[in-house]
Protein backbone atom coordinates (compact mmCIF):
# COMPACT_ATOMS: atom_id res chain seq x y z
CA MET A 1 169.63 112.45 118.60
CA VAL A 2 166.43 111.62 120.48
CA ARG A 3 166.53 109.92 123.89
CA ILE A 4 163.64 108.95 126.17
CA LEU A 5 163.86 109.48 129.94
CA SER A 6 160.61 108.40 131.49
CA GLY A 7 159.21 107.46 134.86
CA ASP A 8 156.86 104.90 133.29
CA HIS A 9 157.30 101.14 133.32
CA ARG A 10 159.74 99.48 130.94
CA GLU A 11 157.11 97.92 128.70
CA THR A 12 155.27 101.22 128.28
CA VAL A 13 158.43 103.17 127.46
CA LEU A 14 159.69 100.57 124.97
CA ALA A 15 156.31 100.46 123.25
CA CYS A 16 156.30 104.25 122.91
CA ALA A 17 159.88 104.21 121.63
CA ASN A 18 159.01 101.59 119.05
CA ALA A 19 155.97 103.58 117.90
CA CYS A 20 158.04 106.76 117.59
CA GLY A 21 160.90 105.07 115.76
CA VAL A 22 163.41 105.72 118.55
CA ASP A 23 165.46 102.56 118.50
CA HIS A 24 169.00 101.26 118.74
CA GLU A 25 169.87 101.39 115.05
CA SER A 26 168.34 104.77 114.19
CA ASN A 27 170.53 106.51 116.78
CA GLY A 28 173.74 105.02 115.44
CA PHE A 29 174.73 103.07 118.57
CA THR A 30 176.35 99.67 118.13
CA LYS A 31 177.59 98.85 121.63
CA PHE A 32 176.92 99.19 125.33
CA PHE A 33 173.53 100.29 126.57
CA LYS A 34 170.37 100.58 124.58
CA GLU A 35 168.03 100.96 127.53
CA MET A 36 168.37 100.90 131.31
CA SER A 37 166.29 101.63 134.37
CA GLY A 38 166.62 104.62 136.65
CA ALA A 39 167.76 102.34 139.47
CA GLU A 40 170.55 100.93 137.28
CA PHE A 41 171.65 104.42 136.33
CA ALA A 42 171.62 105.51 139.98
CA ARG A 43 173.82 102.54 140.96
CA GLU A 44 176.14 103.21 138.02
CA MET A 45 176.70 106.86 138.91
CA ALA A 46 176.21 106.80 142.70
CA ASP A 47 179.89 107.31 143.51
CA ARG A 48 180.83 109.11 140.32
CA MET A 49 178.78 112.35 140.43
CA ILE A 50 178.30 114.83 143.26
CA GLU A 51 175.81 117.64 143.74
CA VAL A 52 177.28 121.17 143.74
CA ARG A 53 175.93 124.69 143.53
CA ASP A 54 176.41 126.44 140.20
CA PRO A 55 178.45 129.62 140.87
CA VAL A 56 176.73 131.44 138.00
CA THR A 57 173.05 130.61 138.53
CA GLY A 58 173.17 129.61 142.20
CA ASN A 59 171.20 126.42 141.48
CA TRP A 60 172.20 122.88 142.35
CA THR A 61 173.65 120.70 139.61
CA TYR A 62 175.80 117.58 139.26
CA VAL A 63 179.45 117.20 138.27
CA PHE A 64 181.83 114.27 137.97
CA LYS A 65 184.24 113.58 140.79
CA THR A 66 187.19 112.68 138.56
CA ASP A 67 188.11 112.58 134.90
CA SER A 68 187.91 108.79 134.96
CA ASP A 69 184.30 109.04 136.09
CA LYS A 70 183.62 111.42 133.22
CA LEU A 71 185.27 109.02 130.77
CA HIS A 72 183.22 106.12 132.13
CA PHE A 73 180.00 108.08 131.62
CA HIS A 74 181.06 109.08 128.11
CA THR A 75 181.91 105.58 126.95
CA THR A 76 179.07 103.67 128.59
CA VAL A 77 176.17 105.43 130.27
CA ALA A 78 175.97 108.23 127.67
CA ASN A 79 174.99 105.64 125.08
CA THR A 80 171.67 105.10 126.83
CA ILE A 81 168.80 106.14 124.61
CA ILE A 82 165.91 104.78 126.69
CA MET A 83 165.67 105.09 130.47
CA HIS A 84 162.56 103.81 132.24
CA ARG A 85 161.41 104.22 135.85
CA ALA A 86 163.64 107.30 136.04
CA SER A 87 163.25 109.67 138.97
CA PRO A 88 163.60 113.46 138.62
CA VAL A 89 167.09 113.18 140.12
CA ASP A 90 168.08 110.50 137.60
CA LYS A 91 166.94 112.72 134.73
CA GLN A 92 168.80 115.75 136.04
CA MET A 93 172.00 113.78 136.61
CA PHE A 94 171.84 112.29 133.12
CA ILE A 95 171.38 115.74 131.53
CA ALA A 96 174.17 117.22 133.65
CA GLY A 97 176.44 114.36 132.56
CA LEU A 98 175.69 114.97 128.89
CA LYS A 99 176.50 118.65 129.31
CA GLU A 100 179.73 117.80 131.11
CA ILE A 101 180.98 115.74 128.15
CA GLY A 102 180.23 118.62 125.76
CA CYS A 103 176.75 117.85 124.44
CA SER A 104 174.06 120.46 123.79
CA VAL A 105 170.91 119.20 125.49
CA ALA A 106 167.29 120.11 124.80
CA TYR A 107 164.76 118.54 127.17
CA THR A 108 161.00 118.27 126.73
CA GLY A 109 158.62 117.73 129.63
CA ASP A 110 155.24 118.73 130.98
CA GLY A 111 155.00 117.83 134.66
CA PRO A 112 156.34 119.00 138.04
CA SER A 113 158.85 116.12 138.01
CA ASP A 114 160.40 117.60 134.85
CA ALA A 115 161.00 121.07 136.34
CA THR A 116 164.59 120.46 137.48
CA SER A 117 165.49 118.76 134.20
CA LEU A 118 163.96 121.58 132.14
CA TYR A 119 166.10 124.07 134.02
CA GLU A 120 169.22 121.88 133.87
CA ALA A 121 169.11 121.47 130.08
CA ASP A 122 170.60 124.03 127.71
CA VAL A 123 167.11 124.50 126.25
CA GLY A 124 164.06 123.42 128.22
CA MET A 125 160.90 122.91 126.18
CA CYS A 126 157.59 122.54 127.94
CA ILE A 127 154.99 120.80 125.77
CA GLY A 128 151.71 122.04 127.24
CA GLY A 129 152.05 121.01 130.86
CA CYS A 130 151.61 122.66 134.25
CA ASP A 131 152.67 126.10 135.42
CA VAL A 132 155.66 124.74 137.35
CA ALA A 133 157.14 123.24 134.20
CA LYS A 134 156.35 126.36 132.16
CA ASP A 135 158.16 128.57 134.68
CA LYS A 136 161.34 126.51 134.35
CA ALA A 137 161.19 126.12 130.56
CA ASP A 138 162.91 128.31 127.99
CA ILE A 139 160.37 127.52 125.24
CA ILE A 140 156.70 126.60 125.61
CA ILE A 141 155.28 124.43 122.81
CA ARG A 142 151.65 125.53 122.89
CA ASP A 143 150.21 123.04 120.38
CA GLY A 144 151.43 120.03 122.38
CA ASN A 145 153.03 118.49 119.29
CA PHE A 146 156.53 117.02 119.57
CA SER A 147 157.18 117.82 115.90
CA SER A 148 157.09 121.48 116.87
CA VAL A 149 160.42 120.91 118.62
CA SER A 150 162.14 120.53 115.25
CA ASN A 151 160.40 123.70 114.01
CA ALA A 152 161.58 125.59 117.09
CA ALA A 153 165.14 124.39 116.51
CA LYS A 154 164.95 125.28 112.82
CA TRP A 155 163.67 128.81 113.44
CA GLY A 156 166.09 129.33 116.30
CA ARG A 157 169.05 128.47 114.10
CA ASN A 158 167.56 130.63 111.36
CA ILE A 159 167.51 133.66 113.67
CA HIS A 160 171.08 132.84 114.65
CA ASP A 161 172.09 132.74 110.98
CA ASN A 162 170.19 135.95 110.17
CA ILE A 163 172.18 137.79 112.83
CA LYS A 164 175.40 136.53 111.25
CA ARG A 165 174.14 137.61 107.81
CA PHE A 166 173.56 141.12 109.10
CA LEU A 167 176.95 141.23 110.84
CA GLN A 168 178.63 140.10 107.63
CA PHE A 169 176.97 142.91 105.69
CA GLN A 170 177.41 145.58 108.36
CA LEU A 171 181.11 144.89 108.91
CA THR A 172 181.71 145.16 105.17
CA VAL A 173 179.96 148.54 105.00
CA ASN A 174 181.66 149.97 108.06
CA ILE A 175 185.20 148.80 107.29
CA SER A 176 185.17 149.99 103.69
CA LEU A 177 183.54 153.29 104.71
CA VAL A 178 186.08 154.00 107.45
CA LEU A 179 188.99 153.19 105.14
CA ILE A 180 187.92 155.48 102.29
CA VAL A 181 187.01 158.35 104.62
CA PHE A 182 190.33 158.03 106.45
CA ILE A 183 192.43 157.83 103.27
CA GLY A 184 190.52 160.66 101.57
CA SER A 185 190.73 162.96 104.58
CA LEU A 186 194.41 162.20 105.07
CA THR A 187 195.48 162.82 101.48
CA LEU A 188 193.00 165.46 100.24
CA GLY A 189 192.23 167.23 103.50
CA LEU A 190 188.49 166.60 103.06
CA SER A 191 186.21 163.61 103.64
CA PRO A 192 184.87 162.09 100.38
CA PHE A 193 181.45 161.82 102.08
CA THR A 194 179.60 164.70 103.69
CA VAL A 195 177.97 164.50 107.10
CA MET A 196 174.52 164.06 105.55
CA GLN A 197 175.77 161.28 103.29
CA LEU A 198 177.33 159.47 106.25
CA LEU A 199 174.07 159.82 108.17
CA TRP A 200 172.09 158.52 105.16
CA ILE A 201 174.37 155.48 104.89
CA ASN A 202 174.11 154.81 108.62
CA LEU A 203 170.30 155.06 108.75
CA VAL A 204 169.15 153.60 105.45
CA MET A 205 171.72 150.85 104.96
CA ASP A 206 171.30 149.66 108.56
CA ALA A 207 167.49 149.74 108.54
CA LEU A 208 166.89 148.13 105.15
CA ALA A 209 169.65 145.59 105.64
CA ALA A 210 168.14 144.58 108.97
CA ILE A 211 164.69 144.21 107.40
CA ALA A 212 165.92 142.23 104.41
CA LEU A 213 168.31 139.94 106.28
CA SER A 214 166.11 139.34 109.33
CA THR A 215 163.17 138.16 107.19
CA GLU A 216 165.19 135.42 105.50
CA ALA A 217 163.23 132.15 105.88
CA PRO A 218 164.85 128.95 107.23
CA HIS A 219 166.90 126.96 104.77
CA PRO A 220 166.15 123.22 104.38
CA THR A 221 169.61 122.41 105.77
CA GLU A 222 169.08 124.31 109.03
CA LEU A 223 168.65 120.99 110.88
CA GLY A 224 171.62 119.34 109.19
CA PRO A 225 175.11 118.87 110.68
CA ILE A 226 176.33 121.97 112.45
CA ILE A 227 179.61 122.89 114.10
CA GLU A 228 179.25 122.63 117.88
CA PRO A 229 180.73 126.08 118.78
CA GLU A 230 178.09 127.70 116.56
CA LEU A 231 175.41 126.50 118.96
CA ARG A 232 177.13 127.88 122.03
CA GLU A 233 177.91 131.43 121.00
CA LEU A 234 177.64 133.82 118.10
CA GLN A 235 180.76 133.51 115.96
CA ILE A 236 181.98 135.09 112.76
CA LEU A 237 183.04 132.06 110.74
CA PRO A 238 186.24 132.01 108.66
CA ILE A 239 184.20 131.91 105.45
CA MET A 240 182.37 135.03 106.63
CA TRP A 241 185.68 136.80 107.18
CA ARG A 242 186.67 135.73 103.66
CA THR A 243 183.52 137.31 102.24
CA ILE A 244 184.04 140.47 104.29
CA PHE A 245 187.71 140.75 103.31
CA THR A 246 187.14 140.24 99.59
CA GLN A 247 184.23 142.69 99.49
CA VAL A 248 186.15 145.32 101.46
CA CYS A 249 189.12 144.99 99.10
CA TYR A 250 186.88 145.25 96.05
CA GLN A 251 184.98 148.29 97.35
CA PHE A 252 188.08 150.05 98.66
CA ILE A 253 190.03 149.61 95.41
CA THR A 254 187.03 150.80 93.36
CA LEU A 255 186.51 153.87 95.55
CA VAL A 256 190.21 154.76 95.58
CA VAL A 257 190.36 154.58 91.78
CA LEU A 258 187.25 156.77 91.47
CA LEU A 259 188.50 159.18 94.11
CA TYR A 260 191.83 159.92 92.45
CA ALA A 261 191.31 158.95 88.80
CA GLY A 262 187.56 159.56 88.52
CA PRO A 263 187.81 163.21 87.40
CA THR A 264 190.17 162.26 84.58
CA MET A 265 188.15 159.19 83.59
CA PHE A 266 184.84 161.08 83.35
CA GLY A 267 186.07 164.50 82.25
CA ILE A 268 185.41 166.28 85.55
CA LYS A 269 188.38 168.63 85.72
CA TYR A 270 189.11 170.41 88.97
CA ASN A 271 191.77 170.76 91.65
CA LEU A 272 191.39 167.75 93.94
CA VAL A 273 192.79 169.62 96.94
CA ASN A 274 191.67 173.25 96.75
CA GLU A 275 188.19 173.34 95.21
CA PRO A 276 185.42 173.40 97.83
CA VAL A 277 182.29 171.22 97.94
CA LYS A 278 179.71 174.01 97.51
CA TRP A 279 177.14 175.27 95.08
CA ASP A 280 178.45 177.74 92.49
CA ASN A 281 175.71 180.16 91.35
CA GLY A 282 173.04 177.48 91.83
CA LEU A 283 175.08 174.77 90.08
CA PRO A 284 177.09 172.01 91.72
CA THR A 285 180.83 172.37 91.63
CA ALA A 286 183.01 169.76 89.94
CA ARG A 287 184.02 168.39 93.33
CA MET A 288 180.36 168.00 94.33
CA GLN A 289 179.63 166.08 91.13
CA HIS A 290 182.67 163.90 91.71
CA TYR A 291 181.82 163.13 95.35
CA THR A 292 178.17 162.47 94.47
CA MET A 293 179.27 159.88 91.92
CA LEU A 294 181.53 158.37 94.57
CA PHE A 295 178.64 158.20 97.06
CA HIS A 296 176.24 156.54 94.61
CA THR A 297 178.88 153.99 93.63
CA PHE A 298 179.45 153.07 97.26
CA VAL A 299 175.72 152.69 97.98
CA LEU A 300 175.07 150.59 94.88
CA MET A 301 177.98 148.27 95.65
CA ASN A 302 176.58 147.61 99.11
CA THR A 303 173.04 147.28 97.77
CA PHE A 304 174.11 144.33 95.66
CA ASN A 305 176.32 143.06 98.48
CA LEU A 306 173.07 142.56 100.42
CA ILE A 307 172.33 139.68 98.07
CA ASN A 308 175.81 138.18 98.57
CA CYS A 309 175.38 138.25 102.35
CA ARG A 310 172.38 135.92 102.14
CA VAL A 311 174.78 132.96 101.99
CA ILE A 312 176.85 132.02 105.05
CA GLY A 313 178.47 128.92 106.46
CA SER A 314 180.64 126.28 104.84
CA GLU A 315 179.98 125.16 101.32
CA ASP A 316 179.12 121.60 102.30
CA GLN A 317 176.38 122.75 104.68
CA ARG A 318 174.72 125.65 102.89
CA GLU A 319 173.34 126.21 99.44
CA LEU A 320 175.55 128.48 97.35
CA ASN A 321 172.74 129.93 95.23
CA ILE A 322 172.48 133.53 96.46
CA PHE A 323 169.39 134.15 94.29
CA ARG A 324 167.31 131.46 96.04
CA ARG A 325 163.79 132.84 96.72
CA LEU A 326 165.09 136.29 95.86
CA TYR A 327 161.76 137.71 94.74
CA THR A 328 159.67 136.64 97.73
CA ASN A 329 161.99 137.96 100.43
CA TRP A 330 164.15 140.56 98.76
CA PHE A 331 162.43 142.19 95.83
CA PHE A 332 160.80 145.11 97.63
CA PRO A 333 163.64 146.04 100.06
CA VAL A 334 166.21 146.12 97.24
CA ILE A 335 163.93 148.07 94.88
CA PHE A 336 163.09 150.52 97.67
CA LEU A 337 166.78 151.04 98.40
CA GLY A 338 167.44 151.67 94.72
CA ILE A 339 164.63 154.27 94.62
CA LEU A 340 166.06 156.03 97.67
CA ASN A 341 169.50 156.02 96.14
CA PHE A 342 168.35 157.72 92.95
């Protein structure tokens, strides 16, 4: 939702809004304010907001005196999409009010009068501008193009999603690995994976997964509807837990079957408890062959789980095709992992 807070005259601001397509209908408002002046806003909120010092940052901000004042702002003043002849204080109060009612606010500016508003907003974006504005901004748009704001938001959400993709994959690997090592050590007296195999999994799976998942390009729906808590903090969504849980169950059941029934299934006969994992006259023992097969199975399952972890979020917001642009982003990391495995 785009709003215009400007210190220019009313006619200038309305003409710019009309040229940019920022109007009453496009923002979905059907009542109350469409545009107002800074003086009108100041009179409206004069006795409803007070200036206080933020205990976290130590900077001055504005808060509502009572809940009724907050409700009044939410139902009336917050519907303003064009404010003309606005002072720096008016802009800062308006942004603080939007944050108080639960909105995520990104502010763009370029002058000294925008410095306090850039700092007050959740994300301050300086489009070109002076050094004072740049110092207070979180993001500097160097090309001076307002359309770059949407690109910044798209790539920012993409990085956020890539982190969640990696967490989804990493939690699956770690949980299934811990479970099989614990069960195997408890029942057979020996870990199914050697120290070197555990180190290999930790180094290679982490590094290649980070490379593959962090290079995922933004999806066309990155700027679509998004759940508000996702913008505030990094969360593991319920659908991510579902993916993690189902993959862990699948991998754990497969490894348990191979651990206890694998020797019988593949004709590798040996004592599961007593035979050591060592070389016997230059040849691998039956236990070493068995555990090597177990290790390769685990690595291959997680190699293909990399592709599954490319999809996150709810079904109505994300594409479900896990093979989308697979070759361009994923071909070489997956092939390289397969080469290392064999």
